[in-house]
């Protein structure tokens, strides 16, 4: 049993403070906030450096209800594609709010799984929201970093005015 005092901060600061008492590396999580076509996504997403070997620190909520849904977990994994090794799982606490008519909570007896009227829109919202949050703090896909490093080592050629110009890349 965890006995915590009431949180006196609102919004992301309050969520981050509360999570710091419950999750490892919660202070290093970045805020996620995206609204699109009546769908709202908020919460916190972990940096790749704090990823774990299991998905035990992934908490997903739909209209305030905690869920363990393969579609949502898959969308979260898609958001971290090229930013996280395939055998690692990001820390995440995400809250998805959408109109009741857009979600069916009666899929599973314990109501832990849901079905969306437009699963593609939900997936796109999660992928976009988490990627924007990661991009905002400079977390880029691994291939982008590799391309930048490769470009730094390409030989330079002298241009017409005697100014160094990058050599043509290999095809």
N, C-alpha and C. Protein backbone atom coordinates (compact mmCIF):
# COMPACT_ATOMS: atom_id res chain seq x y z
N UNK A 1 0.84 -1.18 0.00
CA UNK A 1 0.00 0.00 0.00
C UNK A 1 0.88 1.24 0.00
N UNK A 2 0.57 2.16 -0.84
CA UNK A 2 1.34 3.40 -0.93
C UNK A 2 0.47 4.53 -0.38
N UNK A 3 1.01 5.24 0.58
CA UNK A 3 0.29 6.36 1.19
C UNK A 3 0.95 7.66 0.74
N UNK A 4 0.28 8.39 -0.13
CA UNK A 4 0.82 9.63 -0.67
C UNK A 4 -0.07 10.80 -0.29
N UNK A 5 0.55 11.93 -0.03
CA UNK A 5 -0.20 13.14 0.26
C UNK A 5 -0.92 13.61 -1.00
N UNK A 6 -1.96 14.41 -0.82
CA UNK A 6 -2.69 14.96 -1.96
C UNK A 6 -1.74 15.80 -2.80
N UNK A 7 -1.95 15.77 -4.10
CA UNK A 7 -1.10 16.52 -5.02
C UNK A 7 -1.63 17.94 -5.12
N UNK A 8 -0.76 18.93 -4.94
CA UNK A 8 -1.20 20.33 -4.97
C UNK A 8 -0.94 21.02 -6.30
N UNK A 9 -0.35 20.32 -7.27
CA UNK A 9 -0.10 20.90 -8.58
C UNK A 9 -1.11 20.34 -9.59
N UNK A 10 -1.46 21.16 -10.56
CA UNK A 10 -2.39 20.74 -11.60
C UNK A 10 -1.64 20.38 -12.88
N UNK A 11 -2.36 19.77 -13.80
CA UNK A 11 -1.85 19.50 -15.14
C UNK A 11 -0.67 18.55 -15.16
N UNK A 12 0.24 18.81 -16.12
CA UNK A 12 1.38 17.94 -16.34
C UNK A 12 2.31 17.94 -15.13
N UNK A 13 2.49 19.10 -14.50
CA UNK A 13 3.37 19.17 -13.33
C UNK A 13 2.85 18.26 -12.22
N UNK A 14 1.56 18.28 -11.98
CA UNK A 14 0.97 17.43 -10.96
C UNK A 14 1.08 15.96 -11.31
N UNK A 15 0.83 15.64 -12.58
CA UNK A 15 0.94 14.25 -13.02
C UNK A 15 2.38 13.76 -12.89
N UNK A 16 3.33 14.59 -13.31
CA UNK A 16 4.75 14.21 -13.22
C UNK A 16 5.16 14.01 -11.76
N UNK A 17 4.71 14.89 -10.88
CA UNK A 17 5.03 14.78 -9.46
C UNK A 17 4.46 13.50 -8.86
N UNK A 18 3.21 13.20 -9.19
CA UNK A 18 2.57 11.99 -8.67
C UNK A 18 3.27 10.74 -9.20
N UNK A 19 3.58 10.75 -10.49
CA UNK A 19 4.23 9.59 -11.08
C UNK A 19 5.64 9.38 -10.54
N UNK A 20 6.31 10.47 -10.16
CA UNK A 20 7.66 10.34 -9.61
C UNK A 20 7.66 9.49 -8.35
N UNK A 21 6.55 9.50 -7.63
CA UNK A 21 6.45 8.68 -6.42
C UNK A 21 6.12 7.22 -6.75
N UNK A 22 5.69 6.97 -7.97
CA UNK A 22 5.23 5.63 -8.34
C UNK A 22 6.09 4.91 -9.37
N UNK A 23 6.70 5.65 -10.27
CA UNK A 23 7.45 5.04 -11.38
C UNK A 23 8.91 5.47 -11.38
N UNK A 24 9.79 4.57 -11.78
CA UNK A 24 11.19 4.97 -11.95
C UNK A 24 11.31 5.89 -13.16
N UNK A 25 12.19 6.84 -13.07
CA UNK A 25 12.49 7.75 -14.19
C UNK A 25 11.31 8.61 -14.63
N UNK A 26 10.30 8.79 -13.81
CA UNK A 26 9.13 9.57 -14.21
C UNK A 26 9.48 11.04 -14.43
N UNK A 27 10.46 11.55 -13.74
CA UNK A 27 10.85 12.95 -13.90
C UNK A 27 11.45 13.21 -15.28
N UNK A 28 11.90 12.15 -15.97
CA UNK A 28 12.49 12.30 -17.30
C UNK A 28 11.47 12.10 -18.41
N UNK A 29 10.20 12.00 -18.06
CA UNK A 29 9.17 11.80 -19.09
C UNK A 29 8.79 13.14 -19.70
N UNK A 30 8.35 13.12 -20.95
CA UNK A 30 7.97 14.35 -21.65
C UNK A 30 6.45 14.41 -21.80
N UNK A 31 5.89 15.62 -21.74
CA UNK A 31 4.44 15.74 -21.86
C UNK A 31 3.95 15.46 -23.28
N UNK A 32 2.83 14.77 -23.35
CA UNK A 32 2.16 14.47 -24.62
C UNK A 32 0.84 15.20 -24.59
N UNK A 33 0.55 15.96 -25.63
CA UNK A 33 -0.70 16.71 -25.68
C UNK A 33 -1.07 16.94 -27.15
N UNK A 34 -2.12 16.27 -27.59
CA UNK A 34 -2.54 16.41 -28.99
C UNK A 34 -4.05 16.21 -29.08
N UNK A 35 -4.69 17.07 -29.85
CA UNK A 35 -6.13 16.95 -30.10
C UNK A 35 -6.33 16.91 -31.61
N UNK A 36 -7.22 16.01 -32.03
CA UNK A 36 -7.50 15.89 -33.46
C UNK A 36 -8.87 15.26 -33.64
N UNK A 37 -9.73 15.93 -34.39
CA UNK A 37 -11.04 15.39 -34.78
C UNK A 37 -11.84 14.82 -33.61
N UNK A 38 -11.89 15.57 -32.51
CA UNK A 38 -12.65 15.13 -31.35
C UNK A 38 -11.96 14.14 -30.44
N UNK A 39 -10.74 13.73 -30.81
CA UNK A 39 -9.95 12.82 -29.99
C UNK A 39 -8.90 13.64 -29.24
N UNK A 40 -8.72 13.35 -27.97
CA UNK A 40 -7.74 14.06 -27.16
C UNK A 40 -6.76 13.06 -26.56
N UNK A 41 -5.48 13.38 -26.65
CA UNK A 41 -4.44 12.54 -26.08
C UNK A 41 -3.58 13.39 -25.16
N UNK A 42 -3.40 12.95 -23.94
CA UNK A 42 -2.55 13.64 -22.99
C UNK A 42 -1.77 12.64 -22.17
N UNK A 43 -0.83 13.12 -21.40
CA UNK A 43 -0.07 12.26 -20.52
C UNK A 43 1.41 12.52 -20.61
N UNK A 44 2.18 11.48 -20.31
CA UNK A 44 3.63 11.57 -20.32
C UNK A 44 4.22 10.35 -21.03
N UNK A 45 5.29 10.58 -21.78
CA UNK A 45 5.98 9.49 -22.48
C UNK A 45 7.44 9.49 -22.06
N UNK A 46 7.97 8.31 -21.83
CA UNK A 46 9.35 8.17 -21.38
C UNK A 46 10.36 8.34 -22.50
N UNK A 47 11.52 8.81 -22.12
CA UNK A 47 12.62 8.91 -23.07
C UNK A 47 13.17 7.51 -23.35
N UNK A 48 13.71 7.28 -24.53
CA UNK A 48 14.24 5.96 -24.86
C UNK A 48 15.28 5.45 -23.86
N UNK A 49 16.04 6.34 -23.26
CA UNK A 49 17.07 5.92 -22.31
C UNK A 49 16.48 5.26 -21.06
N UNK A 50 15.21 5.53 -20.76
CA UNK A 50 14.60 4.93 -19.57
C UNK A 50 13.72 3.72 -19.90
N UNK A 51 13.84 3.20 -21.11
CA UNK A 51 13.03 2.05 -21.53
C UNK A 51 13.38 0.82 -20.70
N UNK A 52 12.44 -0.09 -20.61
CA UNK A 52 12.58 -1.29 -19.80
C UNK A 52 12.48 -2.55 -20.66
N UNK A 53 12.80 -3.67 -20.06
CA UNK A 53 12.73 -4.96 -20.75
C UNK A 53 11.29 -5.47 -20.86
N UNK A 54 10.39 -4.95 -20.03
CA UNK A 54 8.98 -5.35 -20.07
C UNK A 54 8.10 -4.12 -20.19
N UNK A 55 6.85 -4.35 -20.50
CA UNK A 55 5.90 -3.24 -20.67
C UNK A 55 5.14 -2.94 -19.38
N UNK A 56 5.68 -3.34 -18.23
CA UNK A 56 4.95 -3.17 -16.98
C UNK A 56 4.73 -1.71 -16.60
N UNK A 57 5.50 -0.79 -17.14
CA UNK A 57 5.33 0.62 -16.82
C UNK A 57 4.63 1.39 -17.95
N UNK A 58 3.74 0.73 -18.63
CA UNK A 58 2.90 1.38 -19.63
C UNK A 58 1.47 1.37 -19.11
N UNK A 59 0.94 2.56 -18.91
CA UNK A 59 -0.42 2.71 -18.38
C UNK A 59 -1.23 3.50 -19.39
N UNK A 60 -2.31 2.89 -19.87
CA UNK A 60 -3.15 3.49 -20.89
C UNK A 60 -4.58 3.60 -20.36
N UNK A 61 -5.17 4.76 -20.57
CA UNK A 61 -6.52 5.03 -20.09
C UNK A 61 -7.38 5.52 -21.25
N UNK A 62 -8.60 5.02 -21.33
CA UNK A 62 -9.55 5.49 -22.34
C UNK A 62 -10.76 6.02 -21.58
N UNK A 63 -11.02 7.30 -21.75
CA UNK A 63 -12.11 7.98 -21.05
C UNK A 63 -12.05 7.72 -19.55
N UNK A 64 -10.84 7.77 -19.01
CA UNK A 64 -10.64 7.60 -17.58
C UNK A 64 -10.56 6.18 -17.09
N UNK A 65 -10.77 5.21 -17.96
CA UNK A 65 -10.78 3.80 -17.58
C UNK A 65 -9.44 3.16 -17.97
N UNK A 66 -8.77 2.47 -17.02
CA UNK A 66 -7.52 1.79 -17.38
C UNK A 66 -7.81 0.61 -18.30
N UNK A 67 -7.01 0.49 -19.36
CA UNK A 67 -7.21 -0.59 -20.32
C UNK A 67 -5.88 -1.27 -20.62
N UNK A 68 -5.96 -2.52 -21.03
CA UNK A 68 -4.82 -3.29 -21.53
C UNK A 68 -5.22 -3.73 -22.93
N UNK A 69 -5.01 -2.88 -23.88
CA UNK A 69 -5.52 -3.12 -25.23
C UNK A 69 -4.38 -3.27 -26.21
N UNK A 70 -4.39 -4.35 -26.99
CA UNK A 70 -3.32 -4.61 -27.96
C UNK A 70 -3.19 -3.51 -29.00
N UNK A 71 -4.31 -2.93 -29.44
CA UNK A 71 -4.24 -1.86 -30.44
C UNK A 71 -3.49 -0.65 -29.89
N UNK A 72 -3.78 -0.28 -28.66
CA UNK A 72 -3.13 0.88 -28.06
C UNK A 72 -1.66 0.61 -27.79
N UNK A 73 -1.35 -0.58 -27.31
CA UNK A 73 0.04 -0.95 -27.07
C UNK A 73 0.81 -0.97 -28.40
N UNK A 74 0.18 -1.47 -29.45
CA UNK A 74 0.80 -1.48 -30.77
C UNK A 74 1.04 -0.07 -31.29
N UNK A 75 0.10 0.83 -31.05
CA UNK A 75 0.28 2.22 -31.47
C UNK A 75 1.44 2.86 -30.71
N UNK A 76 1.54 2.57 -29.42
CA UNK A 76 2.64 3.11 -28.63
C UNK A 76 3.98 2.57 -29.14
N UNK A 77 4.02 1.29 -29.44
CA UNK A 77 5.24 0.70 -30.00
C UNK A 77 5.57 1.36 -31.34
N UNK A 78 4.55 1.63 -32.16
CA UNK A 78 4.77 2.30 -33.44
C UNK A 78 5.33 3.70 -33.27
N UNK A 79 4.92 4.38 -32.21
CA UNK A 79 5.41 5.73 -31.95
C UNK A 79 6.91 5.73 -31.65
N UNK A 80 7.39 4.66 -31.05
CA UNK A 80 8.81 4.56 -30.68
C UNK A 80 9.64 3.83 -31.73
N UNK A 81 9.01 3.41 -32.82
CA UNK A 81 9.76 2.71 -33.87
C UNK A 81 10.91 3.60 -34.33
N UNK A 82 12.07 3.04 -34.53
CA UNK A 82 13.29 3.75 -34.93
C UNK A 82 13.86 4.65 -33.83
N UNK A 83 13.24 4.65 -32.66
CA UNK A 83 13.76 5.43 -31.54
C UNK A 83 14.11 4.53 -30.36
N UNK A 84 13.73 3.26 -30.48
CA UNK A 84 13.88 2.33 -29.37
C UNK A 84 14.17 0.95 -29.93
N UNK A 85 15.04 0.21 -29.28
CA UNK A 85 15.35 -1.16 -29.71
C UNK A 85 14.08 -2.02 -29.64
N UNK A 86 13.98 -3.00 -30.50
CA UNK A 86 12.78 -3.83 -30.61
C UNK A 86 12.45 -4.58 -29.33
N UNK A 87 13.45 -4.88 -28.51
CA UNK A 87 13.20 -5.65 -27.29
C UNK A 87 13.03 -4.76 -26.06
N UNK A 88 12.84 -3.47 -26.24
CA UNK A 88 12.67 -2.53 -25.13
C UNK A 88 11.26 -1.95 -25.16
N UNK A 89 10.79 -1.52 -24.00
CA UNK A 89 9.44 -0.97 -23.87
C UNK A 89 9.51 0.37 -23.16
N UNK A 90 8.91 1.37 -23.75
CA UNK A 90 8.94 2.72 -23.19
C UNK A 90 8.05 2.84 -21.97
N UNK A 91 8.41 3.74 -21.08
CA UNK A 91 7.52 4.13 -20.00
C UNK A 91 6.48 5.05 -20.61
N UNK A 92 5.23 4.91 -20.23
CA UNK A 92 4.20 5.79 -20.76
C UNK A 92 2.98 5.77 -19.85
N UNK A 93 2.40 6.94 -19.69
CA UNK A 93 1.11 7.09 -19.02
C UNK A 93 0.31 7.99 -19.95
N UNK A 94 -0.63 7.39 -20.68
CA UNK A 94 -1.38 8.13 -21.70
C UNK A 94 -2.87 8.06 -21.41
N UNK A 95 -3.51 9.20 -21.62
CA UNK A 95 -4.95 9.33 -21.41
C UNK A 95 -5.59 9.69 -22.74
N UNK A 96 -6.44 8.82 -23.24
CA UNK A 96 -7.15 9.05 -24.49
C UNK A 96 -8.60 9.36 -24.15
N UNK A 97 -9.07 10.51 -24.59
CA UNK A 97 -10.47 10.89 -24.37
C UNK A 97 -11.13 11.07 -25.73
N UNK A 98 -12.30 10.44 -25.88
CA UNK A 98 -13.05 10.54 -27.12
C UNK A 98 -14.53 10.38 -26.80
N UNK A 99 -15.39 10.79 -27.72
CA UNK A 99 -16.84 10.65 -27.48
C UNK A 99 -17.20 9.18 -27.22
N UNK A 100 -18.15 8.97 -26.31
CA UNK A 100 -18.57 7.61 -25.95
C UNK A 100 -19.01 6.79 -27.17
N UNK A 101 -19.60 7.45 -28.14
CA UNK A 101 -20.09 6.74 -29.33
C UNK A 101 -18.94 6.19 -30.18
N UNK A 102 -17.71 6.67 -29.95
CA UNK A 102 -16.56 6.26 -30.74
C UNK A 102 -15.84 5.05 -30.17
N UNK A 103 -16.28 4.57 -28.98
CA UNK A 103 -15.58 3.47 -28.33
C UNK A 103 -16.58 2.50 -27.71
N UNK A 104 -16.29 1.21 -27.85
CA UNK A 104 -17.11 0.17 -27.23
C UNK A 104 -16.29 -0.46 -26.12
N UNK A 105 -16.76 -0.32 -24.88
CA UNK A 105 -16.03 -0.86 -23.73
C UNK A 105 -16.54 -2.25 -23.34
N UNK A 106 -17.52 -2.76 -24.04
CA UNK A 106 -18.12 -4.05 -23.70
C UNK A 106 -17.52 -5.22 -24.49
N UNK A 107 -16.23 -5.13 -24.79
CA UNK A 107 -15.56 -6.16 -25.56
C UNK A 107 -15.08 -7.28 -24.65
N UNK A 108 -14.70 -6.95 -23.44
CA UNK A 108 -14.09 -7.89 -22.49
C UNK A 108 -14.89 -7.85 -21.19
N UNK A 109 -15.09 -9.00 -20.54
CA UNK A 109 -15.88 -9.01 -19.30
C UNK A 109 -15.35 -8.05 -18.22
N UNK A 110 -14.03 -7.92 -18.12
CA UNK A 110 -13.45 -7.01 -17.13
C UNK A 110 -13.35 -5.59 -17.66
N UNK A 111 -13.80 -5.37 -18.87
CA UNK A 111 -13.77 -4.07 -19.54
C UNK A 111 -12.36 -3.48 -19.66
N UNK A 112 -11.38 -4.37 -19.81
CA UNK A 112 -10.00 -3.91 -19.96
C UNK A 112 -9.60 -3.76 -21.42
N UNK A 113 -10.41 -4.28 -22.33
CA UNK A 113 -10.17 -4.12 -23.76
C UNK A 113 -11.28 -3.27 -24.34
N UNK A 114 -10.95 -2.52 -25.37
CA UNK A 114 -11.93 -1.65 -26.01
C UNK A 114 -11.88 -1.85 -27.51
N UNK A 115 -12.91 -1.39 -28.18
CA UNK A 115 -12.95 -1.42 -29.64
C UNK A 115 -13.33 -0.01 -30.09
N UNK A 116 -12.59 0.50 -31.06
CA UNK A 116 -12.82 1.87 -31.54
C UNK A 116 -13.56 1.85 -32.87
N UNK A 117 -14.41 2.83 -33.05
CA UNK A 117 -15.12 2.97 -34.32
C UNK A 117 -14.13 3.25 -35.44
N UNK A 118 -13.09 4.06 -35.15
CA UNK A 118 -12.07 4.38 -36.15
C UNK A 118 -10.69 4.10 -35.55
N UNK A 119 -10.26 2.83 -35.54
CA UNK A 119 -8.98 2.48 -34.92
C UNK A 119 -7.78 3.16 -35.58
N UNK A 120 -7.87 3.43 -36.87
CA UNK A 120 -6.76 4.09 -37.57
C UNK A 120 -6.55 5.50 -37.05
N UNK A 121 -7.64 6.21 -36.77
CA UNK A 121 -7.53 7.58 -36.23
C UNK A 121 -6.92 7.57 -34.83
N UNK A 122 -7.29 6.59 -34.03
CA UNK A 122 -6.75 6.47 -32.67
C UNK A 122 -5.25 6.16 -32.75
N UNK A 123 -4.89 5.22 -33.61
CA UNK A 123 -3.47 4.88 -33.77
C UNK A 123 -2.67 6.08 -34.24
N UNK A 124 -3.18 6.79 -35.23
CA UNK A 124 -2.47 7.96 -35.75
C UNK A 124 -2.30 9.03 -34.67
N UNK A 125 -3.31 9.21 -33.84
CA UNK A 125 -3.23 10.20 -32.77
C UNK A 125 -2.12 9.83 -31.78
N UNK A 126 -2.06 8.57 -31.39
CA UNK A 126 -1.04 8.14 -30.43
C UNK A 126 0.35 8.24 -31.03
N UNK A 127 0.51 7.75 -32.25
CA UNK A 127 1.83 7.81 -32.90
C UNK A 127 2.27 9.26 -33.06
N UNK A 128 1.40 10.11 -33.58
CA UNK A 128 1.75 11.52 -33.80
C UNK A 128 2.02 12.24 -32.49
N UNK A 129 1.17 12.02 -31.50
CA UNK A 129 1.32 12.71 -30.23
C UNK A 129 2.62 12.37 -29.52
N UNK A 130 2.94 11.08 -29.46
CA UNK A 130 4.17 10.66 -28.79
C UNK A 130 5.39 11.09 -29.59
N UNK A 131 5.36 10.97 -30.91
CA UNK A 131 6.51 11.39 -31.71
C UNK A 131 6.76 12.88 -31.60
N UNK A 132 5.70 13.68 -31.60
CA UNK A 132 5.87 15.13 -31.44
C UNK A 132 6.50 15.45 -30.09
N UNK A 133 6.05 14.75 -29.06
CA UNK A 133 6.61 14.98 -27.72
C UNK A 133 8.10 14.64 -27.70
N UNK A 134 8.47 13.51 -28.29
CA UNK A 134 9.87 13.10 -28.32
C UNK A 134 10.70 14.06 -29.18
N UNK A 135 10.16 14.45 -30.33
CA UNK A 135 10.86 15.39 -31.21
C UNK A 135 11.10 16.73 -30.50
N UNK A 136 10.15 17.15 -29.66
CA UNK A 136 10.27 18.45 -28.99
C UNK A 136 11.45 18.52 -28.04
N UNK A 137 11.95 17.37 -27.60
CA UNK A 137 13.12 17.37 -26.71
C UNK A 137 14.35 16.81 -27.42
N UNK A 138 14.28 16.70 -28.74
CA UNK A 138 15.44 16.31 -29.53
C UNK A 138 15.66 14.82 -29.70
N UNK A 139 14.68 14.00 -29.38
CA UNK A 139 14.81 12.56 -29.60
C UNK A 139 14.42 12.28 -31.04
N UNK A 140 15.39 11.91 -31.83
CA UNK A 140 15.17 11.67 -33.26
C UNK A 140 15.32 10.18 -33.57
N UNK A 141 14.77 9.75 -34.70
CA UNK A 141 14.95 8.35 -35.10
C UNK A 141 16.43 8.01 -35.25
N UNK A 142 16.77 6.78 -34.97
CA UNK A 142 18.17 6.34 -35.02
C UNK A 142 18.77 6.54 -36.40
N UNK A 143 17.99 6.30 -37.47
CA UNK A 143 18.56 6.44 -38.81
C UNK A 143 18.90 7.89 -39.12
N UNK A 144 18.18 8.87 -38.55
CA UNK A 144 18.48 10.28 -38.78
C UNK A 144 19.84 10.63 -38.16
N UNK A 145 20.12 10.09 -36.99
CA UNK A 145 21.41 10.34 -36.35
C UNK A 145 22.53 9.70 -37.17
N UNK A 146 22.29 8.50 -37.69
CA UNK A 146 23.31 7.81 -38.49
C UNK A 146 23.59 8.59 -39.78
N UNK A 147 22.54 9.12 -40.41
CA UNK A 147 22.74 9.90 -41.63
C UNK A 147 23.52 11.18 -41.36
N UNK A 148 23.23 11.83 -40.25
CA UNK A 148 23.95 13.06 -39.90
C UNK A 148 25.43 12.76 -39.65
N UNK A 149 25.71 11.65 -38.98
CA UNK A 149 27.10 11.29 -38.71
C UNK A 149 27.81 10.95 -40.01
N UNK A 150 27.15 10.21 -40.89
CA UNK A 150 27.77 9.86 -42.17
C UNK A 150 28.06 11.11 -42.99
N UNK A 151 27.15 12.07 -42.97
CA UNK A 151 27.35 13.31 -43.72
C UNK A 151 28.54 14.09 -43.18
N UNK A 152 28.78 14.02 -41.89
CA UNK A 152 29.90 14.75 -41.30
C UNK A 152 31.25 14.20 -41.76
N UNK A 153 31.29 12.93 -42.21
CA UNK A 153 32.54 12.32 -42.63
C UNK A 153 32.72 12.28 -44.14
N UNK A 154 31.78 12.83 -44.90
CA UNK A 154 31.94 12.85 -46.35
C UNK A 154 33.02 13.85 -46.72
N UNK A 155 33.82 13.53 -47.72
CA UNK A 155 34.88 14.47 -48.12
C UNK A 155 34.28 15.72 -48.75
N UNK A 156 34.98 16.82 -48.60
CA UNK A 156 34.53 18.09 -49.17
C UNK A 156 35.32 18.36 -50.46
N UNK A 157 34.68 18.99 -51.43
CA UNK A 157 35.34 19.39 -52.67
C UNK A 157 35.38 20.90 -52.73
N UNK A 158 36.35 21.43 -53.39
CA UNK A 158 36.45 22.88 -53.53
C UNK A 158 35.53 23.34 -54.66
N UNK A 159 34.70 24.35 -54.39
CA UNK A 159 33.78 24.88 -55.37
C UNK A 159 34.44 25.92 -56.24
N UNK A 160 33.66 26.56 -57.08
CA UNK A 160 34.15 27.56 -58.03
C UNK A 160 34.82 28.71 -57.31
N UNK A 161 34.23 29.17 -56.21
CA UNK A 161 34.79 30.32 -55.50
C UNK A 161 35.82 29.90 -54.46
N UNK A 162 36.26 28.65 -54.50
CA UNK A 162 37.24 28.18 -53.53
C UNK A 162 36.61 27.82 -52.19
N UNK A 163 35.27 27.70 -52.14
CA UNK A 163 34.57 27.34 -50.92
C UNK A 163 34.32 25.84 -50.93
N UNK A 164 34.53 25.21 -49.79
CA UNK A 164 34.34 23.76 -49.70
C UNK A 164 32.86 23.42 -49.87
N UNK A 165 32.60 22.41 -50.68
CA UNK A 165 31.24 21.92 -50.90
C UNK A 165 31.23 20.43 -50.69
N UNK A 166 30.11 19.86 -50.18
CA UNK A 166 30.07 18.40 -49.98
C UNK A 166 30.23 17.66 -51.30
N UNK A 167 30.94 16.55 -51.24
CA UNK A 167 31.09 15.70 -52.44
C UNK A 167 29.76 14.99 -52.68
N UNK A 168 29.56 14.52 -53.88
CA UNK A 168 28.35 13.78 -54.19
C UNK A 168 28.29 12.51 -53.37
N UNK A 169 27.11 12.21 -52.86
CA UNK A 169 26.93 11.01 -52.06
C UNK A 169 26.98 9.79 -52.95
N UNK A 170 27.38 8.66 -52.40
CA UNK A 170 27.41 7.40 -53.15
C UNK A 170 25.99 6.94 -53.37
N UNK A 171 25.72 6.38 -54.53
CA UNK A 171 24.37 5.90 -54.84
C UNK A 171 24.18 4.50 -54.37
